Amino acid sequence: MFISAQRRGVADAGPEAARFVAAGAAAVTGGKRLRGRFCLSGWRAVEEATGPAGAPPAPVIAAAAALEVFHAAALVHDDLIDNSDTRRGRPSAHRALEAGHRDAGWLGDADAFGRSGAILLGDLLVAWSDDLLEEGLAETSDERAAAARSQYALMRREVTLGQFLDVAEESAFASEPDDRHAERALRVASFKSARYSVQQPLAIGAALAGADAAQAAALAAFGHPLGMAFQLRDDVLGVFGDEAATGKPSGDDLREGKRTVLIAYAREALAPTARRIVDELVGDAGLDADQVASLQRTIVDTGALDRVERLIADYAREADRALSGARLGNAAVGELRDLARAATVRTT
């Protein structure tokens, strides 16, 4: 319904505007919808603490949808920053816009058009997410709307900071002592993903249910470590994932130069000469299959993969412990535990 309204809103702006809105609609298609699901679960966990919750009201549905649209915006910009060609098994937004320019026989640089269009598309999706959120908040109390709006704003600031830290780390790692690389990679994971993907969606949903300080604290104590486990699983899949399942080429994070905890742990275990070879390879967009396989073996042989798997398990246990004794609905706690498994034990 919302997308249909956006299409109608540009009906008099010409075919280019219609294509632009269609690109926005394509960007919000697919995905795991975890952020929206965590928002709904945060609301239900608080609402069910005092009795059956029933169906989520319009403000909660709108907030969950807004989170997913905002995530689509983040992915459009993320793919542009990383020069990624694919997303969810399809061309990334800037590549699709580039192809549209070329197919239409337009003048100028198709690549530049695709990149410019993707920047604007991400901005459009952020605007859509704001519109959705505010439409929903108009139907709840001023107090709950203010609390949810505050959490949403915090999420936006933190993920933007996290994205910049991720970009900066690809250059800044060389000036930092080797024994700080893992700590810095975890900092990126916290701001770019853990808070944004799990902790803040839970907080937004809980705010719309009128969570008290203790309930909000319990959900935060669950959400942050689970978000860390979620991102570390993403890091593993970014190096070892099956393209058929992830929709992105195996080893894509290696080509993009992601300085994840996997890379930090591997470097810690290598002699200086081998470490320099890794540094030369990570971030080389032209890595072939054999070079990717060589880096994968290095990560396994150094014990880095095992260390990250143990860290994922530790974070997951920490998250689970945070739910014990919390004044939250029992059924919702079970749902949160199911979501925790879906976020950490996955192949996509």
C-alpha atoms as a PDB file:
ATOM      1  CA  MET A   1       0.000   0.000   0.000  1.00  0.00           C
ATOM      2  CA  PHE A   2       2.766   2.451   0.912  1.00  0.00           C
ATOM      3  CA  ILE A   3       4.791   1.643  -2.223  1.00  0.00           C
ATOM      4  CA  SER A   4       1.676   1.943  -4.365  1.00  0.00           C
ATOM      5  CA  ALA A   5       1.095   5.405  -2.914  1.00  0.00           C
ATOM      6  CA  GLN A   6       4.662   6.390  -3.810  1.00  0.00           C
ATOM      7  CA  ARG A   7       4.134   5.201  -7.373  1.00  0.00           C
ATOM      8  CA  ARG A   8       0.936   7.254  -7.655  1.00  0.00           C
ATOM      9  CA  GLY A   9       2.704  10.260  -6.184  1.00  0.00           C
ATOM     10  CA  VAL A  10       5.133  10.483  -9.104  1.00  0.00           C
ATOM     11  CA  ALA A  11       2.646   9.635 -11.847  1.00  0.00           C
ATOM     12  CA  ASP A  12       2.923  13.137 -13.303  1.00  0.00           C
ATOM     13  CA  ALA A  13       6.732  13.313 -13.030  1.00  0.00           C
ATOM     14  CA  GLY A  14       7.514  11.211 -16.078  1.00  0.00           C
ATOM     15  CA  PRO A  15       8.946   7.755 -16.786  1.00  0.00           C
ATOM     16  CA  GLU A  16      12.328   8.501 -15.171  1.00  0.00           C
ATOM     17  CA  ALA A  17      10.655   9.193 -11.830  1.00  0.00           C
ATOM     18  CA  ALA A  18       8.598   6.015 -12.182  1.00  0.00           C
ATOM     19  CA  ARG A  19      11.791   4.013 -12.763  1.00  0.00           C
ATOM     20  CA  PHE A  20      13.374   5.607  -9.703  1.00  0.00           C
ATOM     21  CA  VAL A  21      10.444   4.639  -7.471  1.00  0.00           C
ATOM     22  CA  ALA A  22      10.483   1.162  -9.016  1.00  0.00           C
ATOM     23  CA  ALA A  23      14.149   0.884  -8.019  1.00  0.00           C
ATOM     24  CA  GLY A  24      13.132   1.782  -4.466  1.00  0.00           C
ATOM     25  CA  ALA A  25      10.450  -0.899  -4.502  1.00  0.00           C
ATOM     26  CA  ALA A  26      13.003  -3.449  -5.752  1.00  0.00           C
ATOM     27  CA  ALA A  27      15.414  -2.479  -2.970  1.00  0.00           C
ATOM     28  CA  VAL A  28      12.925  -3.381  -0.243  1.00  0.00           C
ATOM     29  CA  THR A  29      12.179  -6.802  -1.741  1.00  0.00           C
ATOM     30  CA  GLY A  30      13.506  -9.947  -0.047  1.00  0.00           C
ATOM     31  CA  GLY A  31      15.801 -10.336   2.933  1.00  0.00           C
ATOM     32  CA  LYS A  32      15.403 -11.951   6.329  1.00  0.00           C
ATOM     33  CA  ARG A  33      13.314  -9.130   7.853  1.00  0.00           C
ATOM     34  CA  LEU A  34      15.130  -9.644  11.154  1.00  0.00           C
ATOM     35  CA  ARG A  35      15.024  -5.993  12.197  1.00  0.00           C
ATOM     36  CA  GLY A  36      11.283  -5.793  11.783  1.00  0.00           C
ATOM     37  CA  ARG A  37      10.862  -9.095  13.595  1.00  0.00           C
ATOM     38  CA  PHE A  38      12.980  -7.911  16.512  1.00  0.00           C
ATOM     39  CA  CYS A  39      10.888  -4.750  16.721  1.00  0.00           C
ATOM     40  CA  LEU A  40       7.684  -6.795  16.903  1.00  0.00           C
ATOM     41  CA  SER A  41       9.248  -9.117  19.472  1.00  0.00           C
ATOM     42  CA  GLY A  42      10.389  -6.208  21.633  1.00  0.00           C
ATOM     43  CA  TRP A  43       6.842  -4.880  21.682  1.00  0.00           C
ATOM     44  CA  ARG A  44       5.383  -8.314  22.439  1.00  0.00           C
ATOM     45  CA  ALA A  45       7.891  -9.062  25.201  1.00  0.00           C
ATOM     46  CA  VAL A  46       6.758  -5.987  27.145  1.00  0.00           C
ATOM     47  CA  GLU A  47       3.079  -6.182  26.220  1.00  0.00           C
ATOM     48  CA  GLU A  48       2.761  -9.830  27.285  1.00  0.00           C
ATOM     49  CA  ALA A  49       4.349  -9.174  30.683  1.00  0.00           C
ATOM     50  CA  THR A  50       0.896  -8.119  31.901  1.00  0.00           C
ATOM     51  CA  GLY A  51      -1.326 -10.378  29.794  1.00  0.00           C
ATOM     52  CA  PRO A  52      -2.069 -11.614  26.258  1.00  0.00           C
ATOM     53  CA  ALA A  53      -0.808  -9.167  23.667  1.00  0.00           C
ATOM     54  CA  GLY A  54      -3.069  -9.772  20.686  1.00  0.00           C
ATOM     55  CA  ALA A  55      -2.158  -8.466  17.245  1.00  0.00           C
ATOM     56  CA  PRO A  56       0.465  -5.705  17.054  1.00  0.00           C
ATOM     57  CA  PRO A  57      -1.149  -2.273  16.633  1.00  0.00           C
ATOM     58  CA  ALA A  58      -0.559  -0.010  13.652  1.00  0.00           C
ATOM     59  CA  PRO A  59       2.300   2.007  15.236  1.00  0.00           C
ATOM     60  CA  VAL A  60       4.330  -1.169  15.824  1.00  0.00           C
ATOM     61  CA  ILE A  61       3.686  -2.513  12.333  1.00  0.00           C
ATOM     62  CA  ALA A  62       4.683   0.853  10.887  1.00  0.00           C
ATOM     63  CA  ALA A  63       7.891   0.966  12.951  1.00  0.00           C
ATOM     64  CA  ALA A  64       8.826  -2.558  11.860  1.00  0.00           C
ATOM     65  CA  ALA A  65       8.224  -1.634   8.219  1.00  0.00           C
ATOM     66  CA  ALA A  66      10.198   1.594   8.630  1.00  0.00           C
ATOM     67  CA  LEU A  67      13.157  -0.382   9.968  1.00  0.00           C
ATOM     68  CA  GLU A  68      13.137  -2.641   6.924  1.00  0.00           C
ATOM     69  CA  VAL A  69      12.971   0.306   4.520  1.00  0.00           C
ATOM     70  CA  PHE A  70      15.814   2.015   6.378  1.00  0.00           C
ATOM     71  CA  HIS A  71      17.793  -1.221   6.113  1.00  0.00           C
ATOM     72  CA  ALA A  72      17.218  -1.227   2.359  1.00  0.00           C
ATOM     73  CA  ALA A  73      18.675   2.289   2.258  1.00  0.00           C
ATOM     74  CA  ALA A  74      21.696   1.169   4.230  1.00  0.00           C
ATOM     75  CA  LEU A  75      22.278  -1.746   1.857  1.00  0.00           C
ATOM     76  CA  VAL A  76      22.061   0.487  -1.230  1.00  0.00           C
ATOM     77  CA  HIS A  77      24.723   2.774   0.219  1.00  0.00           C
ATOM     78  CA  ASP A  78      26.763  -0.138   1.590  1.00  0.00           C
ATOM     79  CA  ASP A  79      26.937  -1.815  -1.830  1.00  0.00           C
ATOM     80  CA  LEU A  80      27.980   1.477  -3.372  1.00  0.00           C
ATOM     81  CA  ILE A  81      30.749   1.986  -0.808  1.00  0.00           C
ATOM     82  CA  ASP A  82      31.963  -1.599  -1.222  1.00  0.00           C
ATOM     83  CA  ASN A  83      31.638  -1.637  -5.030  1.00  0.00           C
ATOM     84  CA  SER A  84      29.490  -4.756  -4.709  1.00  0.00           C
ATOM     85  CA  ASP A  85      27.953  -6.044  -7.916  1.00  0.00           C
ATOM     86  CA  THR A  86      25.254  -8.198  -6.340  1.00  0.00           C
ATOM     87  CA  ARG A  87      22.764  -8.167  -3.491  1.00  0.00           C
ATOM     88  CA  ARG A  88      20.469 -11.077  -2.644  1.00  0.00           C
ATOM     89  CA  GLY A  89      21.400 -12.779  -5.888  1.00  0.00           C
ATOM     90  CA  ARG A  90      20.438  -9.783  -8.029  1.00  0.00           C
ATOM     91  CA  PRO A  91      22.400  -6.786  -9.336  1.00  0.00           C
ATOM     92  CA  SER A  92      23.035  -4.246  -6.601  1.00  0.00           C
ATOM     93  CA  ALA A  93      21.099  -0.980  -6.925  1.00  0.00           C
ATOM     94  CA  HIS A  94      23.879   1.042  -8.528  1.00  0.00           C
ATOM     95  CA  ARG A  95      24.547  -1.750 -11.035  1.00  0.00           C
ATOM     96  CA  ALA A  96      20.848  -2.003 -11.904  1.00  0.00           C
ATOM     97  CA  LEU A  97      20.630   1.762 -12.424  1.00  0.00           C
ATOM     98  CA  GLU A  98      23.796   1.639 -14.514  1.00  0.00           C
ATOM     99  CA  ALA A  99      22.307  -1.103 -16.682  1.00  0.00           C
ATOM    100  CA  GLY A 100      19.095   0.888 -17.083  1.00  0.00           C
ATOM    101  CA  HIS A 101      21.059   3.894 -18.322  1.00  0.00           C
ATOM    102  CA  ARG A 102      22.928   1.731 -20.825  1.00  0.00           C
ATOM    103  CA  ASP A 103      19.838  -0.115 -22.038  1.00  0.00           C
ATOM    104  CA  ALA A 104      18.001   3.166 -22.614  1.00  0.00           C
ATOM    105  CA  GLY A 105      20.839   4.430 -24.808  1.00  0.00           C
ATOM    106  CA  TRP A 106      21.270   7.563 -22.705  1.00  0.00           C
ATOM    107  CA  LEU A 107      24.275   9.849 -23.055  1.00  0.00           C
ATOM    108  CA  GLY A 108      27.163  10.017 -20.602  1.00  0.00           C
ATOM    109  CA  ASP A 109      28.915   7.623 -18.264  1.00  0.00           C
ATOM    110  CA  ALA A 110      26.566   4.792 -17.243  1.00  0.00           C
ATOM    111  CA  ASP A 111      28.727   3.894 -14.245  1.00  0.00           C
ATOM    112  CA  ALA A 112      28.665   7.460 -12.909  1.00  0.00           C
ATOM    113  CA  PHE A 113      24.905   7.594 -13.446  1.00  0.00           C
ATOM    114  CA  GLY A 114      24.421   4.361 -11.501  1.00  0.00           C
ATOM    115  CA  ARG A 115      26.514   5.587  -8.587  1.00  0.00           C
ATOM    116  CA  SER A 116      24.802   8.983  -8.453  1.00  0.00           C
ATOM    117  CA  GLY A 117      21.398   7.348  -8.725  1.00  0.00           C
ATOM    118  CA  ALA A 118      22.187   4.935  -5.883  1.00  0.00           C
ATOM    119  CA  ILE A 119      23.182   7.763  -3.540  1.00  0.00           C
ATOM    120  CA  LEU A 120      19.853   9.437  -4.229  1.00  0.00           C
ATOM    121  CA  LEU A 121      17.965   6.140  -4.024  1.00  0.00           C
ATOM    122  CA  GLY A 122      19.369   5.502  -0.555  1.00  0.00           C
ATOM    123  CA  ASP A 123      18.286   9.008   0.442  1.00  0.00           C
ATOM    124  CA  LEU A 124      14.800   8.365  -0.919  1.00  0.00           C
ATOM    125  CA  LEU A 125      14.517   5.156   1.090  1.00  0.00           C
ATOM    126  CA  VAL A 126      15.580   6.975   4.271  1.00  0.00           C
ATOM    127  CA  ALA A 127      12.812   9.506   3.601  1.00  0.00           C
ATOM    128  CA  TRP A 128      10.332   6.673   3.082  1.00  0.00           C
ATOM    129  CA  SER A 129      11.357   5.098   6.374  1.00  0.00           C
ATOM    130  CA  ASP A 130      10.764   8.406   8.176  1.00  0.00           C
ATOM    131  CA  ASP A 131       7.371   8.771   6.536  1.00  0.00           C
ATOM    132  CA  LEU A 132       6.328   5.272   7.585  1.00  0.00           C
ATOM    133  CA  LEU A 133       7.514   5.760  11.156  1.00  0.00           C
ATOM    134  CA  GLU A 134       5.744   9.094  11.589  1.00  0.00           C
ATOM    135  CA  GLU A 135       2.505   7.798  10.094  1.00  0.00           C
ATOM    136  CA  GLY A 136       2.493   5.071  12.712  1.00  0.00           C
ATOM    137  CA  LEU A 137       3.524   7.258  15.631  1.00  0.00           C
ATOM    138  CA  ALA A 138       0.572   9.556  14.950  1.00  0.00           C
ATOM    139  CA  GLU A 139      -1.629   6.736  16.270  1.00  0.00           C
ATOM    140  CA  THR A 140       0.013   6.283  19.672  1.00  0.00           C
ATOM    141  CA  SER A 141       0.461   8.400  22.784  1.00  0.00           C
ATOM    142  CA  ASP A 142       2.834  11.364  22.775  1.00  0.00           C
ATOM    143  CA  GLU A 143       4.981   9.711  25.445  1.00  0.00           C
ATOM    144  CA  ARG A 144       5.410   6.444  23.577  1.00  0.00           C
ATOM    145  CA  ALA A 145       5.903   8.227  20.254  1.00  0.00           C
ATOM    146  CA  ALA A 146       8.666  10.371  21.764  1.00  0.00           C
ATOM    147  CA  ALA A 147      10.407   7.318  23.263  1.00  0.00           C
ATOM    148  CA  ALA A 148      10.263   5.350  19.995  1.00  0.00           C
ATOM    149  CA  ARG A 149      11.365   8.359  17.967  1.00  0.00           C
ATOM    150  CA  SER A 150      14.353   8.865  20.269  1.00  0.00           C
ATOM    151  CA  GLN A 151      15.451   5.238  19.888  1.00  0.00           C
ATOM    152  CA  TYR A 152      15.014   5.403  16.114  1.00  0.00           C
ATOM    153  CA  ALA A 153      17.134   8.554  15.909  1.00  0.00           C
ATOM    154  CA  LEU A 154      19.840   6.937  18.042  1.00  0.00           C
ATOM    155  CA  MET A 155      19.848   3.908  15.742  1.00  0.00           C
ATOM    156  CA  ARG A 156      20.305   6.123  12.680  1.00  0.00           C
ATOM    157  CA  ARG A 157      23.215   8.018  14.212  1.00  0.00           C
ATOM    158  CA  GLU A 158      24.974   4.896  15.447  1.00  0.00           C
ATOM    159  CA  VAL A 159      24.742   2.910  12.226  1.00  0.00           C
ATOM    160  CA  THR A 160      26.006   5.887  10.212  1.00  0.00           C
ATOM    161  CA  LEU A 161      28.950   6.204  12.576  1.00  0.00           C
ATOM    162  CA  GLY A 162      29.518   2.440  12.352  1.00  0.00           C
ATOM    163  CA  GLN A 163      29.518   2.553   8.570  1.00  0.00           C
ATOM    164  CA  PHE A 164      32.160   5.274   8.630  1.00  0.00           C
ATOM    165  CA  LEU A 165      34.272   3.341  11.164  1.00  0.00           C
ATOM    166  CA  ASP A 166      34.087   0.328   8.845  1.00  0.00           C
ATOM    167  CA  VAL A 167      35.307   2.392   5.897  1.00  0.00           C
ATOM    168  CA  ALA A 168      38.009   4.055   7.998  1.00  0.00           C
ATOM    169  CA  GLU A 169      39.307   0.754   9.368  1.00  0.00           C
ATOM    170  CA  GLU A 170      40.223  -0.455   5.888  1.00  0.00           C
ATOM    171  CA  SER A 171      42.804   2.343   5.819  1.00  0.00           C
ATOM    172  CA  ALA A 172      43.531   3.007   9.491  1.00  0.00           C
ATOM    173  CA  PHE A 173      44.430  -0.571  10.491  1.00  0.00           C
ATOM    174  CA  ALA A 174      47.986  -0.144   9.197  1.00  0.00           C
ATOM    175  CA  SER A 175      48.703   2.619  11.702  1.00  0.00           C
ATOM    176  CA  GLU A 176      47.418   0.628  14.682  1.00  0.00           C
ATOM    177  CA  PRO A 177      49.324  -1.998  16.719  1.00  0.00           C
ATOM    178  CA  ASP A 178      48.466  -5.546  15.645  1.00  0.00           C
ATOM    179  CA  ASP A 179      47.156  -6.432  19.087  1.00  0.00           C
ATOM    180  CA  ARG A 180      44.437  -3.760  18.786  1.00  0.00           C
ATOM    181  CA  HIS A 181      42.982  -4.921  15.478  1.00  0.00           C
ATOM    182  CA  ALA A 182      40.482  -7.349  17.002  1.00  0.00           C
ATOM    183  CA  GLU A 183      39.271  -4.765  19.516  1.00  0.00           C
ATOM    184  CA  ARG A 184      38.780  -2.225  16.722  1.00  0.00           C
ATOM    185  CA  ALA A 185      36.955  -4.761  14.548  1.00  0.00           C
ATOM    186  CA  LEU A 186      34.575  -5.495  17.429  1.00  0.00           C
ATOM    187  CA  ARG A 187      33.945  -1.768  17.823  1.00  0.00           C
ATOM    188  CA  VAL A 188      32.891  -1.596  14.181  1.00  0.00           C
ATOM    189  CA  ALA A 189      30.642  -4.629  14.652  1.00  0.00           C
ATOM    190  CA  SER A 190      28.973  -3.001  17.648  1.00  0.00           C
ATOM    191  CA  PHE A 191      28.125   0.302  15.972  1.00  0.00           C
ATOM    192  CA  LYS A 192      27.519  -0.873  12.423  1.00  0.00           C
ATOM    193  CA  SER A 193      25.468  -3.953  13.179  1.00  0.00           C
ATOM    194  CA  ALA A 194      24.856  -5.105  16.760  1.00  0.00           C
ATOM    195  CA  ARG A 195      23.035  -2.019  17.945  1.00  0.00           C
ATOM    196  CA  TYR A 196      21.364  -1.343  14.615  1.00  0.00           C
ATOM    197  CA  SER A 197      20.282  -4.875  13.723  1.00  0.00           C
ATOM    198  CA  VAL A 198      19.061  -6.172  17.077  1.00  0.00           C
ATOM    199  CA  GLN A 199      19.411  -3.888  20.103  1.00  0.00           C
ATOM    200  CA  GLN A 200      17.679  -0.780  18.744  1.00  0.00           C
ATOM    201  CA  PRO A 201      14.829  -2.578  16.918  1.00  0.00           C
ATOM    202  CA  LEU A 202      14.036  -4.305  20.215  1.00  0.00           C
ATOM    203  CA  ALA A 203      14.189  -0.959  22.012  1.00  0.00           C
ATOM    204  CA  ILE A 204      11.861   0.709  19.502  1.00  0.00           C
ATOM    205  CA  GLY A 205       9.274  -2.035  19.838  1.00  0.00           C
ATOM    206  CA  ALA A 206       9.573  -2.008  23.624  1.00  0.00           C
ATOM    207  CA  ALA A 207       9.157   1.782  23.714  1.00  0.00           C
ATOM    208  CA  LEU A 208       5.895   1.456  21.779  1.00  0.00           C
ATOM    209  CA  ALA A 209       4.676  -0.957  24.464  1.00  0.00           C
ATOM    210  CA  GLY A 210       5.568   1.458  27.270  1.00  0.00           C
ATOM    211  CA  ALA A 211       8.571  -0.476  28.610  1.00  0.00           C
ATOM    212  CA  ASP A 212       9.874   0.507  32.028  1.00  0.00           C
ATOM    213  CA  ALA A 213      13.582   0.955  32.759  1.00  0.00           C
ATOM    214  CA  ALA A 214      14.094  -2.640  33.928  1.00  0.00           C
ATOM    215  CA  GLN A 215      12.422  -4.135  30.853  1.00  0.00           C
ATOM    216  CA  ALA A 216      14.377  -1.851  28.527  1.00  0.00           C
ATOM    217  CA  ALA A 217      17.628  -2.809  30.283  1.00  0.00           C
ATOM    218  CA  ALA A 218      16.909  -6.535  30.003  1.00  0.00           C
ATOM    219  CA  LEU A 219      16.189  -6.252  26.293  1.00  0.00           C
ATOM    220  CA  ALA A 220      19.354  -4.196  25.758  1.00  0.00           C
ATOM    221  CA  ALA A 221      21.403  -6.773  27.686  1.00  0.00           C
ATOM    222  CA  PHE A 222      19.956  -9.419  25.369  1.00  0.00           C
ATOM    223  CA  GLY A 223      20.101  -7.398  22.165  1.00  0.00           C
ATOM    224  CA  HIS A 224      23.670  -6.162  22.111  1.00  0.00           C
ATOM    225  CA  PRO A 225      25.512  -9.494  22.560  1.00  0.00           C
ATOM    226  CA  LEU A 226      23.072 -11.174  20.198  1.00  0.00           C
ATOM    227  CA  GLY A 227      23.738  -8.423  17.670  1.00  0.00           C
ATOM    228  CA  MET A 228      27.464  -9.029  18.038  1.00  0.00           C
ATOM    229  CA  ALA A 229      26.959 -12.746  17.413  1.00  0.00           C
ATOM    230  CA  PHE A 230      24.793 -11.890  14.404  1.00  0.00           C
ATOM    231  CA  GLN A 231      27.510  -9.696  12.876  1.00  0.00           C
ATOM    232  CA  LEU A 232      30.273 -12.208  13.546  1.00  0.00           C
ATOM    233  CA  ARG A 233      28.193 -14.844  11.759  1.00  0.00           C
ATOM    234  CA  ASP A 234      27.905 -12.377   8.874  1.00  0.00           C
ATOM    235  CA  ASP A 235      31.701 -12.019   8.911  1.00  0.00           C
ATOM    236  CA  VAL A 236      32.113 -15.791   8.651  1.00  0.00           C
ATOM    237  CA  LEU A 237      29.612 -15.996   5.796  1.00  0.00           C
ATOM    238  CA  GLY A 238      31.334 -13.075   4.052  1.00  0.00           C
ATOM    239  CA  VAL A 239      34.458 -15.236   3.781  1.00  0.00           C
ATOM    240  CA  PHE A 240      33.159 -18.814   3.688  1.00  0.00           C
ATOM    241  CA  GLY A 241      29.509 -18.472   2.620  1.00  0.00           C
ATOM    242  CA  ASP A 242      27.975 -20.338  -0.298  1.00  0.00           C
ATOM    243  CA  GLU A 243      27.059 -17.889  -3.057  1.00  0.00           C
ATOM    244  CA  ALA A 244      23.900 -19.853  -3.818  1.00  0.00           C
ATOM    245  CA  ALA A 245      22.708 -19.223  -0.248  1.00  0.00           C
ATOM    246  CA  THR A 246      24.088 -15.741   0.467  1.00  0.00           C
ATOM    247  CA  GLY A 247      23.495 -14.156  -2.923  1.00  0.00           C
ATOM    248  CA  LYS A 248      27.055 -12.759  -2.929  1.00  0.00           C
ATOM    249  CA  PRO A 249      30.264 -14.333  -4.249  1.00  0.00           C
ATOM    250  CA  SER A 250      32.217 -16.453  -1.773  1.00  0.00           C
ATOM    251  CA  GLY A 251      35.061 -14.466  -0.264  1.00  0.00           C
ATOM    252  CA  ASP A 252      33.498 -11.119  -1.143  1.00  0.00           C
ATOM    253  CA  ASP A 253      34.582  -9.590   2.176  1.00  0.00           C
ATOM    254  CA  LEU A 254      38.179 -10.476   1.314  1.00  0.00           C
ATOM    255  CA  ARG A 255      37.981  -8.678  -2.013  1.00  0.00           C
ATOM    256  CA  GLU A 256      36.334  -5.682  -0.360  1.00  0.00           C
ATOM    257  CA  GLY A 257      39.079  -5.459   2.265  1.00  0.00           C
ATOM    258  CA  LYS A 258      36.848  -5.912   5.326  1.00  0.00           C
ATOM    259  CA  ARG A 259      39.049  -5.830   8.428  1.00  0.00           C
ATOM    260  CA  THR A 260      36.907  -8.202  10.465  1.00  0.00           C
ATOM    261  CA  VAL A 261      37.773 -10.108  13.611  1.00  0.00           C
ATOM    262  CA  LEU A 262      38.526 -13.118  11.406  1.00  0.00           C
ATOM    263  CA  ILE A 263      41.324 -11.189   9.721  1.00  0.00           C
ATOM    264  CA  ALA A 264      42.553  -9.724  13.013  1.00  0.00           C
ATOM    265  CA  TYR A 265      42.789 -13.159  14.659  1.00  0.00           C
ATOM    266  CA  ALA A 266      44.490 -14.672  11.610  1.00  0.00           C
ATOM    267  CA  ARG A 267      47.095 -11.907  11.525  1.00  0.00           C
ATOM    268  CA  GLU A 268      47.843 -12.349  15.245  1.00  0.00           C
ATOM    269  CA  ALA A 269      48.916 -15.944  14.571  1.00  0.00           C
ATOM    270  CA  LEU A 270      51.099 -15.244  11.529  1.00  0.00           C
ATOM    271  CA  ALA A 271      54.767 -14.439  11.220  1.00  0.00           C
ATOM    272  CA  PRO A 272      55.523 -10.933   9.867  1.00  0.00           C
ATOM    273  CA  THR A 273      56.244 -12.138   6.324  1.00  0.00           C
ATOM    274  CA  ALA A 274      53.012 -14.134   6.085  1.00  0.00           C
ATOM    275  CA  ARG A 275      51.137 -11.227   7.644  1.00  0.00           C
ATOM    276  CA  ARG A 276      52.375  -8.901   4.908  1.00  0.00           C
ATOM    277  CA  ILE A 277      51.154 -11.337   2.250  1.00  0.00           C
ATOM    278  CA  VAL A 278      47.697 -11.379   3.827  1.00  0.00           C
ATOM    279  CA  ASP A 279      47.667  -7.584   3.934  1.00  0.00           C
ATOM    280  CA  GLU A 280      48.565  -7.440   0.245  1.00  0.00           C
ATOM    281  CA  LEU A 281      45.756  -9.823  -0.711  1.00  0.00           C
ATOM    282  CA  VAL A 282      42.915  -8.568   1.502  1.00  0.00           C
ATOM    283  CA  GLY A 283      41.266  -5.706  -0.366  1.00  0.00           C
ATOM    284  CA  ASP A 284      42.392  -6.782  -3.826  1.00  0.00           C
ATOM    285  CA  ALA A 285      39.204  -6.614  -5.906  1.00  0.00           C
ATOM    286  CA  GLY A 286      40.777  -8.919  -8.470  1.00  0.00           C
ATOM    287  CA  LEU A 287      41.320 -11.914  -6.180  1.00  0.00           C
ATOM    288  CA  ASP A 288      40.717 -15.119  -8.110  1.00  0.00           C
ATOM    289  CA  ALA A 289      39.218 -18.314  -6.719  1.00  0.00           C
ATOM    290  CA  ASP A 290      42.607 -19.821  -5.869  1.00  0.00           C
ATOM    291  CA  GLN A 291      43.693 -16.724  -3.933  1.00  0.00           C
ATOM    292  CA  VAL A 292      40.400 -16.652  -2.041  1.00  0.00           C
ATOM    293  CA  ALA A 293      40.843 -20.352  -1.200  1.00  0.00           C
ATOM    294  CA  SER A 294      44.390 -19.661   0.017  1.00  0.00           C
ATOM    295  CA  LEU A 295      43.186 -16.916   2.361  1.00  0.00           C
ATOM    296  CA  GLN A 296      40.379 -19.148   3.585  1.00  0.00           C
ATOM    297  CA  ARG A 297      42.895 -21.889   4.429  1.00  0.00           C
ATOM    298  CA  THR A 298      45.055 -19.371   6.263  1.00  0.00           C
ATOM    299  CA  ILE A 299      42.094 -18.251   8.375  1.00  0.00           C
ATOM    300  CA  VAL A 300      41.279 -21.858   9.233  1.00  0.00           C
ATOM    301  CA  ASP A 301      44.874 -22.992   9.820  1.00  0.00           C
ATOM    302  CA  THR A 302      45.662 -20.092  12.161  1.00  0.00           C
ATOM    303  CA  GLY A 303      42.678 -21.034  14.323  1.00  0.00           C
ATOM    304  CA  ALA A 304      40.964 -17.706  13.585  1.00  0.00           C
ATOM    305  CA  LEU A 305      37.732 -19.352  12.415  1.00  0.00           C
ATOM    306  CA  ASP A 306      37.529 -21.497  15.553  1.00  0.00           C
ATOM    307  CA  ARG A 307      38.154 -18.438  17.744  1.00  0.00           C
ATOM    308  CA  VAL A 308      35.339 -16.516  16.055  1.00  0.00           C
ATOM    309  CA  GLU A 309      32.967 -19.484  16.358  1.00  0.00           C
ATOM    310  CA  ARG A 310      33.712 -19.622  20.096  1.00  0.00           C
ATOM    311  CA  LEU A 311      33.115 -15.883  20.355  1.00  0.00           C
ATOM    312  CA  ILE A 312      29.756 -16.259  18.599  1.00  0.00           C
ATOM    313  CA  ALA A 313      28.782 -18.981  21.075  1.00  0.00           C
ATOM    314  CA  ASP A 314      29.896 -16.840  24.029  1.00  0.00           C
ATOM    315  CA  TYR A 315      27.864 -13.852  22.855  1.00  0.00           C
ATOM    316  CA  ALA A 316      24.821 -16.058  22.256  1.00  0.00           C
ATOM    317  CA  ARG A 317      25.058 -17.472  25.791  1.00  0.00           C
ATOM    318  CA  GLU A 318      25.410 -13.976  27.239  1.00  0.00           C
ATOM    319  CA  ALA A 319      22.284 -12.903  25.389  1.00  0.00           C
ATOM    320  CA  ASP A 320      20.329 -15.925  26.591  1.00  0.00           C
ATOM    321  CA  ARG A 321      21.312 -15.298  30.221  1.00  0.00           C
ATOM    322  CA  ALA A 322      19.965 -11.748  30.002  1.00  0.00           C
ATOM    323  CA  LEU A 323      16.447 -13.104  29.503  1.00  0.00           C
ATOM    324  CA  SER A 324      16.486 -15.236  32.657  1.00  0.00           C
ATOM    325  CA  GLY A 325      14.323 -13.630  35.321  1.00  0.00           C
ATOM    326  CA  ALA A 326      13.444 -10.614  33.183  1.00  0.00           C
ATOM    327  CA  ARG A 327       9.889  -9.291  33.590  1.00  0.00           C
ATOM    328  CA  LEU A 328       8.920 -10.109  30.040  1.00  0.00           C
ATOM    329  CA  GLY A 329       6.205 -12.290  28.541  1.00  0.00           C
ATOM    330  CA  ASN A 330       7.100 -15.988  28.610  1.00  0.00           C
ATOM    331  CA  ALA A 331       5.880 -16.701  25.085  1.00  0.00           C
ATOM    332  CA  ALA A 332       7.734 -13.648  23.785  1.00  0.00           C
ATOM    333  CA  VAL A 333      10.930 -14.767  25.520  1.00  0.00           C
ATOM    334  CA  GLY A 334      10.612 -18.080  23.681  1.00  0.00           C
ATOM    335  CA  GLU A 335      10.182 -16.142  20.446  1.00  0.00           C
ATOM    336  CA  LEU A 336      13.281 -14.092  21.218  1.00  0.00           C
ATOM    337  CA  ARG A 337      15.281 -17.270  21.763  1.00  0.00           C
ATOM    338  CA  ASP A 338      14.038 -18.609  18.417  1.00  0.00           C
ATOM    339  CA  LEU A 339      15.119 -15.370  16.747  1.00  0.00           C
ATOM    340  CA  ALA A 340      18.506 -15.648  18.438  1.00  0.00           C
ATOM    341  CA  ARG A 341      19.030 -19.045  16.855  1.00  0.00           C
ATOM    342  CA  ALA A 342      17.869 -17.740  13.473  1.00  0.00           C
ATOM    343  CA  ALA A 343      20.340 -14.841  13.717  1.00  0.00           C
ATOM    344  CA  THR A 344      23.382 -16.877  14.698  1.00  0.00           C
ATOM    345  CA  VAL A 345      22.906 -20.359  13.223  1.00  0.00           C
ATOM    346  CA  ARG A 346      22.342 -19.575   9.551  1.00  0.00           C
ATOM    347  CA  THR A 347      23.793 -19.865   6.063  1.00  0.00           C
ATOM    348  CA  THR A 348      22.476 -16.568   4.638  1.00  0.00           C
END
